[in-house]
PDB file of N, CA and C in Angstrom:
ATOM      1  N   MET A   1      14.476  -2.939   4.729  1.00  0.00           N
ATOM      2  CA  MET A   1      13.166  -3.367   4.244  1.00  0.00           C
ATOM      3  C   MET A   1      12.267  -2.154   3.983  1.00  0.00           C
ATOM      4  N   GLU A   2      12.338  -1.182   4.876  1.00  0.00           N
ATOM      5  CA  GLU A   2      11.496   0.006   4.709  1.00  0.00           C
ATOM      6  C   GLU A   2      11.778   0.689   3.371  1.00  0.00           C
ATOM      7  N   GLU A   3      13.039   0.763   3.002  1.00  0.00           N
ATOM      8  CA  GLU A   3      13.407   1.395   1.735  1.00  0.00           C
ATOM      9  C   GLU A   3      12.825   0.634   0.539  1.00  0.00           C
ATOM     10  N   ARG A   4      12.874  -0.697   0.600  1.00  0.00           N
ATOM     11  CA  ARG A   4      12.303  -1.514  -0.487  1.00  0.00           C
ATOM     12  C   ARG A   4      10.803  -1.294  -0.601  1.00  0.00           C
ATOM     13  N   VAL A   5      10.122  -1.256   0.534  1.00  0.00           N
ATOM     14  CA  VAL A   5       8.676  -1.039   0.538  1.00  0.00           C
ATOM     15  C   VAL A   5       8.365   0.342  -0.030  1.00  0.00           C
ATOM     16  N   GLN A   6       9.124   1.351   0.383  1.00  0.00           N
ATOM     17  CA  GLN A   6       8.902   2.710  -0.114  1.00  0.00           C
ATOM     18  C   GLN A   6       9.074   2.777  -1.635  1.00  0.00           C
ATOM     19  N   GLU A   7      10.074   2.068  -2.162  1.00  0.00           N
ATOM     20  CA  GLU A   7      10.308   2.051  -3.609  1.00  0.00           C
ATOM     21  C   GLU A   7       9.110   1.482  -4.361  1.00  0.00           C
ATOM     22  N   VAL A   8       8.537   0.403  -3.828  1.00  0.00           N
ATOM     23  CA  VAL A   8       7.369  -0.209  -4.475  1.00  0.00           C
ATOM     24  C   VAL A   8       6.159   0.715  -4.351  1.00  0.00           C
ATOM     25  N   LEU A   9       5.977   1.310  -3.180  1.00  0.00           N
ATOM     26  CA  LEU A   9       4.854   2.235  -3.004  1.00  0.00           C
ATOM     27  C   LEU A   9       4.977   3.422  -3.957  1.00  0.00           C
ATOM     28  N   ASP A  10       6.198   3.849  -4.230  1.00  0.00           N
ATOM     29  CA  ASP A  10       6.402   4.951  -5.171  1.00  0.00           C
ATOM     30  C   ASP A  10       5.948   4.575  -6.582  1.00  0.00           C
ATOM     31  N   LYS A  11       6.005   3.293  -6.913  1.00  0.00           N
ATOM     32  CA  LYS A  11       5.522   2.824  -8.223  1.00  0.00           C
ATOM     33  C   LYS A  11       3.991   2.845  -8.283  1.00  0.00           C
ATOM     34  N   ILE A  12       3.359   2.556  -7.159  1.00  0.00           N
ATOM     35  CA  ILE A  12       1.900   2.468  -7.066  1.00  0.00           C
ATOM     36  C   ILE A  12       1.265   3.854  -6.921  1.00  0.00           C
ATOM     37  N   ARG A  13       1.967   4.716  -6.241  1.00  0.00           N
ATOM     38  CA  ARG A  13       1.450   6.029  -5.845  1.00  0.00           C
ATOM     39  C   ARG A  13       0.813   6.839  -6.982  1.00  0.00           C
ATOM     40  N   PRO A  14       1.390   6.923  -8.185  1.00  0.00           N
ATOM     41  CA  PRO A  14       0.767   7.748  -9.242  1.00  0.00           C
ATOM     42  C   PRO A  14      -0.669   7.329  -9.576  1.00  0.00           C
ATOM     43  N   ALA A  15      -0.949   6.047  -9.542  1.00  0.00           N
ATOM     44  CA  ALA A  15      -2.311   5.584  -9.835  1.00  0.00           C
ATOM     45  C   ALA A  15      -3.280   6.047  -8.754  1.00  0.00           C
ATOM     46  N   LEU A  16      -2.852   6.010  -7.509  1.00  0.00           N
ATOM     47  CA  LEU A  16      -3.709   6.458  -6.412  1.00  0.00           C
ATOM     48  C   LEU A  16      -3.890   7.978  -6.455  1.00  0.00           C
ATOM     49  N   GLN A  17      -2.807   8.684  -6.740  1.00  0.00           N
ATOM     50  CA  GLN A  17      -2.874  10.143  -6.793  1.00  0.00           C
ATOM     51  C   GLN A  17      -3.747  10.628  -7.943  1.00  0.00           C
ATOM     52  N   ALA A  18      -3.818   9.868  -9.001  1.00  0.00           N
ATOM     53  CA  ALA A  18      -4.665  10.240 -10.134  1.00  0.00           C
ATOM     54  C   ALA A  18      -6.134  10.309  -9.735  1.00  0.00           C
ATOM     55  N   ASP A  19      -6.510   9.541  -8.707  1.00  0.00           N
ATOM     56  CA  ASP A  19      -7.890   9.543  -8.210  1.00  0.00           C
ATOM     57  C   ASP A  19      -8.044  10.378  -6.946  1.00  0.00           C
ATOM     58  N   GLY A  20      -7.013  11.151  -6.593  1.00  0.00           N
ATOM     59  CA  GLY A  20      -7.105  12.040  -5.442  1.00  0.00           C
ATOM     60  C   GLY A  20      -6.708  11.410  -4.123  1.00  0.00           C
ATOM     61  N   GLY A  21      -6.096  10.239  -4.167  1.00  0.00           N
ATOM     62  CA  GLY A  21      -5.695   9.569  -2.930  1.00  0.00           C
ATOM     63  C   GLY A  21      -4.197   9.372  -2.855  1.00  0.00           C
ATOM     64  N   ASP A  22      -3.781   8.633  -1.848  1.00  0.00           N
ATOM     65  CA  ASP A  22      -2.360   8.316  -1.682  1.00  0.00           C
ATOM     66  C   ASP A  22      -2.243   7.233  -0.622  1.00  0.00           C
ATOM     67  N   VAL A  23      -1.038   6.722  -0.487  1.00  0.00           N
ATOM     68  CA  VAL A  23      -0.754   5.699   0.515  1.00  0.00           C
ATOM     69  C   VAL A  23       0.520   6.098   1.248  1.00  0.00           C
ATOM     70  N   GLU A  24       0.510   5.941   2.569  1.00  0.00           N
ATOM     71  CA  GLU A  24       1.676   6.262   3.384  1.00  0.00           C
ATOM     72  C   GLU A  24       2.148   5.004   4.098  1.00  0.00           C
ATOM     73  N   PHE A  25       3.452   4.764   4.063  1.00  0.00           N
ATOM     74  CA  PHE A  25       4.040   3.639   4.777  1.00  0.00           C
ATOM     75  C   PHE A  25       4.044   3.958   6.263  1.00  0.00           C
ATOM     76  N   VAL A  26       3.622   2.989   7.092  1.00  0.00           N
ATOM     77  CA  VAL A  26       3.616   3.168   8.548  1.00  0.00           C
ATOM     78  C   VAL A  26       4.671   2.279   9.188  1.00  0.00           C
ATOM     79  N   ALA A  27       4.650   0.968   8.878  1.00  0.00           N
ATOM     80  CA  ALA A  27       5.597   0.054   9.518  1.00  0.00           C
ATOM     81  C   ALA A  27       5.656  -1.275   8.776  1.00  0.00           C
ATOM     82  N   PHE A  28       6.721  -2.020   9.036  1.00  0.00           N
ATOM     83  CA  PHE A  28       6.852  -3.398   8.564  1.00  0.00           C
ATOM     84  C   PHE A  28       7.168  -4.250   9.781  1.00  0.00           C
ATOM     85  N   GLU A  29       6.277  -5.184  10.096  1.00  0.00           N
ATOM     86  CA  GLU A  29       6.442  -6.032  11.275  1.00  0.00           C
ATOM     87  C   GLU A  29       6.095  -7.471  10.932  1.00  0.00           C
ATOM     88  N   ALA A  30       7.062  -8.351  11.061  1.00  0.00           N
ATOM     89  CA  ALA A  30       6.847  -9.796  10.890  1.00  0.00           C
ATOM     90  C   ALA A  30       6.085 -10.140   9.610  1.00  0.00           C
ATOM     91  N   GLY A  31       6.528  -9.597   8.493  1.00  0.00           N
ATOM     92  CA  GLY A  31       5.909  -9.911   7.206  1.00  0.00           C
ATOM     93  C   GLY A  31       4.685  -9.095   6.859  1.00  0.00           C
ATOM     94  N   VAL A  32       4.280  -8.198   7.758  1.00  0.00           N
ATOM     95  CA  VAL A  32       3.084  -7.389   7.538  1.00  0.00           C
ATOM     96  C   VAL A  32       3.482  -5.938   7.283  1.00  0.00           C
ATOM     97  N   VAL A  33       3.061  -5.427   6.135  1.00  0.00           N
ATOM     98  CA  VAL A  33       3.277  -4.015   5.823  1.00  0.00           C
ATOM     99  C   VAL A  33       2.040  -3.260   6.286  1.00  0.00           C
ATOM    100  N   LYS A  34       2.260  -2.240   7.103  1.00  0.00           N
ATOM    101  CA  LYS A  34       1.152  -1.419   7.583  1.00  0.00           C
ATOM    102  C   LYS A  34       1.210  -0.091   6.856  1.00  0.00           C
ATOM    103  N   VAL A  35       0.071   0.279   6.255  1.00  0.00           N
ATOM    104  CA  VAL A  35      -0.020   1.511   5.489  1.00  0.00           C
ATOM    105  C   VAL A  35      -1.244   2.303   5.916  1.00  0.00           C
ATOM    106  N   LYS A  36      -1.214   3.565   5.575  1.00  0.00           N
ATOM    107  CA  LYS A  36      -2.364   4.437   5.819  1.00  0.00           C
ATOM    108  C   LYS A  36      -2.812   4.986   4.476  1.00  0.00           C
ATOM    109  N   LEU A  37      -4.075   4.776   4.148  1.00  0.00           N
ATOM    110  CA  LEU A  37      -4.649   5.355   2.933  1.00  0.00           C
ATOM    111  C   LEU A  37      -5.114   6.764   3.272  1.00  0.00           C
ATOM    112  N   VAL A  38      -4.745   7.722   2.431  1.00  0.00           N
ATOM    113  CA  VAL A  38      -5.080   9.118   2.700  1.00  0.00           C
ATOM    114  C   VAL A  38      -5.766   9.747   1.489  1.00  0.00           C
ATOM    115  N   GLY A  39      -6.262  10.954   1.695  1.00  0.00           N
ATOM    116  CA  GLY A  39      -6.961  11.656   0.629  1.00  0.00           C
ATOM    117  C   GLY A  39      -8.253  10.957   0.282  1.00  0.00           C
ATOM    118  N   ALA A  40      -8.571  10.894  -0.984  1.00  0.00           N
ATOM    119  CA  ALA A  40      -9.816  10.269  -1.437  1.00  0.00           C
ATOM    120  C   ALA A  40      -9.867   8.789  -1.060  1.00  0.00           C
ATOM    121  N   CYS A  41      -8.716   8.149  -0.949  1.00  0.00           N
ATOM    122  CA  CYS A  41      -8.677   6.717  -0.606  1.00  0.00           C
ATOM    123  C   CYS A  41      -9.154   6.452   0.819  1.00  0.00           C
ATOM    124  N   ALA A  42      -8.956   7.420   1.716  1.00  0.00           N
ATOM    125  CA  ALA A  42      -9.290   7.224   3.128  1.00  0.00           C
ATOM    126  C   ALA A  42     -10.775   6.945   3.337  1.00  0.00           C
ATOM    127  N   GLY A  43     -11.642   7.595   2.599  1.00  0.00           N
ATOM    128  CA  GLY A  43     -13.069   7.406   2.810  1.00  0.00           C
ATOM    129  C   GLY A  43     -13.767   6.623   1.710  1.00  0.00           C
ATOM    130  N   CYS A  44     -13.011   6.119   0.782  1.00  0.00           N
ATOM    131  CA  CYS A  44     -13.592   5.443  -0.376  1.00  0.00           C
ATOM    132  C   CYS A  44     -14.107   4.051  -0.010  1.00  0.00           C
ATOM    133  N   PRO A  45     -15.319   3.698  -0.443  1.00  0.00           N
ATOM    134  CA  PRO A  45     -15.840   2.367  -0.170  1.00  0.00           C
ATOM    135  C   PRO A  45     -15.049   1.255  -0.880  1.00  0.00           C
ATOM    136  N   MET A  46     -14.279   1.615  -1.893  1.00  0.00           N
ATOM    137  CA  MET A  46     -13.488   0.628  -2.626  1.00  0.00           C
ATOM    138  C   MET A  46     -12.064   0.503  -2.072  1.00  0.00           C
ATOM    139  N   SER A  47     -11.766   1.162  -0.965  1.00  0.00           N
ATOM    140  CA  SER A  47     -10.397   1.193  -0.452  1.00  0.00           C
ATOM    141  C   SER A  47      -9.856  -0.187  -0.105  1.00  0.00           C
ATOM    142  N   GLN A  48     -10.678  -1.076   0.428  1.00  0.00           N
ATOM    143  CA  GLN A  48     -10.196  -2.418   0.762  1.00  0.00           C
ATOM    144  C   GLN A  48      -9.843  -3.198  -0.493  1.00  0.00           C
ATOM    145  N   LEU A  49     -10.598  -2.993  -1.552  1.00  0.00           N
ATOM    146  CA  LEU A  49     -10.295  -3.627  -2.832  1.00  0.00           C
ATOM    147  C   LEU A  49      -8.992  -3.070  -3.406  1.00  0.00           C
ATOM    148  N   THR A  50      -8.822  -1.769  -3.311  1.00  0.00           N
ATOM    149  CA  THR A  50      -7.573  -1.132  -3.757  1.00  0.00           C
ATOM    150  C   THR A  50      -6.402  -1.681  -2.972  1.00  0.00           C
ATOM    151  N   LEU A  51      -6.583  -1.808  -1.667  1.00  0.00           N
ATOM    152  CA  LEU A  51      -5.514  -2.307  -0.802  1.00  0.00           C
ATOM    153  C   LEU A  51      -5.135  -3.733  -1.173  1.00  0.00           C
ATOM    154  N   ALA A  52      -6.114  -4.601  -1.339  1.00  0.00           N
ATOM    155  CA  ALA A  52      -5.844  -6.014  -1.621  1.00  0.00           C
ATOM    156  C   ALA A  52      -5.378  -6.247  -3.056  1.00  0.00           C
ATOM    157  N   ASN A  53      -6.110  -5.721  -4.023  1.00  0.00           N
ATOM    158  CA  ASN A  53      -5.806  -5.999  -5.427  1.00  0.00           C
ATOM    159  C   ASN A  53      -4.744  -5.089  -6.021  1.00  0.00           C
ATOM    160  N   GLY A  54      -4.466  -3.997  -5.364  1.00  0.00           N
ATOM    161  CA  GLY A  54      -3.451  -3.079  -5.866  1.00  0.00           C
ATOM    162  C   GLY A  54      -2.197  -3.126  -5.026  1.00  0.00           C
ATOM    163  N   VAL A  55      -2.259  -2.517  -3.878  1.00  0.00           N
ATOM    164  CA  VAL A  55      -1.085  -2.351  -3.024  1.00  0.00           C
ATOM    165  C   VAL A  55      -0.514  -3.699  -2.582  1.00  0.00           C
ATOM    166  N   GLU A  56      -1.335  -4.558  -2.003  1.00  0.00           N
ATOM    167  CA  GLU A  56      -0.835  -5.843  -1.496  1.00  0.00           C
ATOM    168  C   GLU A  56      -0.288  -6.725  -2.621  1.00  0.00           C
ATOM    169  N   ARG A  57      -0.993  -6.811  -3.712  1.00  0.00           N
ATOM    170  CA  ARG A  57      -0.564  -7.665  -4.831  1.00  0.00           C
ATOM    171  C   ARG A  57       0.814  -7.253  -5.340  1.00  0.00           C
ATOM    172  N   VAL A  58       1.004  -5.966  -5.549  1.00  0.00           N
ATOM    173  CA  VAL A  58       2.271  -5.481  -6.082  1.00  0.00           C
ATOM    174  C   VAL A  58       3.393  -5.655  -5.060  1.00  0.00           C
ATOM    175  N   LEU A  59       3.125  -5.340  -3.805  1.00  0.00           N
ATOM    176  CA  LEU A  59       4.160  -5.508  -2.776  1.00  0.00           C
ATOM    177  C   LEU A  59       4.595  -6.966  -2.654  1.00  0.00           C
ATOM    178  N   LYS A  60       3.640  -7.885  -2.669  1.00  0.00           N
ATOM    179  CA  LYS A  60       3.976  -9.316  -2.556  1.00  0.00           C
ATOM    180  C   LYS A  60       4.752  -9.804  -3.777  1.00  0.00           C
ATOM    181  N   GLN A  61       4.431  -9.260  -4.945  1.00  0.00           N
ATOM    182  CA  GLN A  61       5.143  -9.614  -6.176  1.00  0.00           C
ATOM    183  C   GLN A  61       6.594  -9.166  -6.115  1.00  0.00           C
ATOM    184  N   GLU A  62       6.802  -7.939  -5.664  1.00  0.00           N
ATOM    185  CA  GLU A  62       8.124  -7.321  -5.679  1.00  0.00           C
ATOM    186  C   GLU A  62       8.986  -7.714  -4.482  1.00  0.00           C
ATOM    187  N   ILE A  63       8.342  -7.992  -3.334  1.00  0.00           N
ATOM    188  CA  ILE A  63       9.076  -8.297  -2.100  1.00  0.00           C
ATOM    189  C   ILE A  63       8.507  -9.585  -1.505  1.00  0.00           C
ATOM    190  N   PRO A  64       9.161 -10.719  -1.734  1.00  0.00           N
ATOM    191  CA  PRO A  64       8.644 -12.011  -1.269  1.00  0.00           C
ATOM    192  C   PRO A  64       8.446 -12.107   0.247  1.00  0.00           C
ATOM    193  N   GLU A  65       9.154 -11.296   1.008  1.00  0.00           N
ATOM    194  CA  GLU A  65       9.016 -11.340   2.476  1.00  0.00           C
ATOM    195  C   GLU A  65       7.684 -10.780   2.963  1.00  0.00           C
ATOM    196  N   VAL A  66       6.980 -10.049   2.109  1.00  0.00           N
ATOM    197  CA  VAL A  66       5.693  -9.471   2.489  1.00  0.00           C
ATOM    198  C   VAL A  66       4.626 -10.562   2.443  1.00  0.00           C
ATOM    199  N   GLU A  67       3.977 -10.772   3.571  1.00  0.00           N
ATOM    200  CA  GLU A  67       2.911 -11.767   3.670  1.00  0.00           C
ATOM    201  C   GLU A  67       1.531 -11.140   3.463  1.00  0.00           C
ATOM    202  N   ARG A  68       1.355  -9.930   3.994  1.00  0.00           N
ATOM    203  CA  ARG A  68       0.072  -9.234   3.807  1.00  0.00           C
ATOM    204  C   ARG A  68       0.262  -7.737   4.076  1.00  0.00           C
ATOM    205  N   VAL A  69      -0.768  -6.986   3.692  1.00  0.00           N
ATOM    206  CA  VAL A  69      -0.773  -5.538   3.903  1.00  0.00           C
ATOM    207  C   VAL A  69      -2.013  -5.194   4.708  1.00  0.00           C
ATOM    208  N   GLU A  70      -1.842  -4.340   5.704  1.00  0.00           N
ATOM    209  CA  GLU A  70      -2.963  -3.908   6.550  1.00  0.00           C
ATOM    210  C   GLU A  70      -3.055  -2.393   6.531  1.00  0.00           C
ATOM    211  N   ALA A  71      -4.286  -1.892   6.511  1.00  0.00           N
ATOM    212  CA  ALA A  71      -4.512  -0.455   6.655  1.00  0.00           C
ATOM    213  C   ALA A  71      -4.639  -0.139   8.135  1.00  0.00           C
ATOM    214  N   VAL A  72      -3.996   0.927   8.558  1.00  0.00           N
ATOM    215  CA  VAL A  72      -4.083   1.330   9.970  1.00  0.00           C
ATOM    216  C   VAL A  72      -4.642   2.729  10.085  1.00  0.00           C
TER     217      VAL A  72
END
């Protein structure tokens, strides 16, 4: 599962890096993907929107087992 999540995050990563940020995979537990937003994303007021409308949406589309994404 970790490999599948990493593959999807690699698809998302260029968009985040273009704005000076990035996302790091932390863990997958019981349908929940835990990630850490870094760089510009870490302190951005729009980070929760990015997480929900970007990272979570794409992960749920690509991997049906993903129920939600949490920032840690």
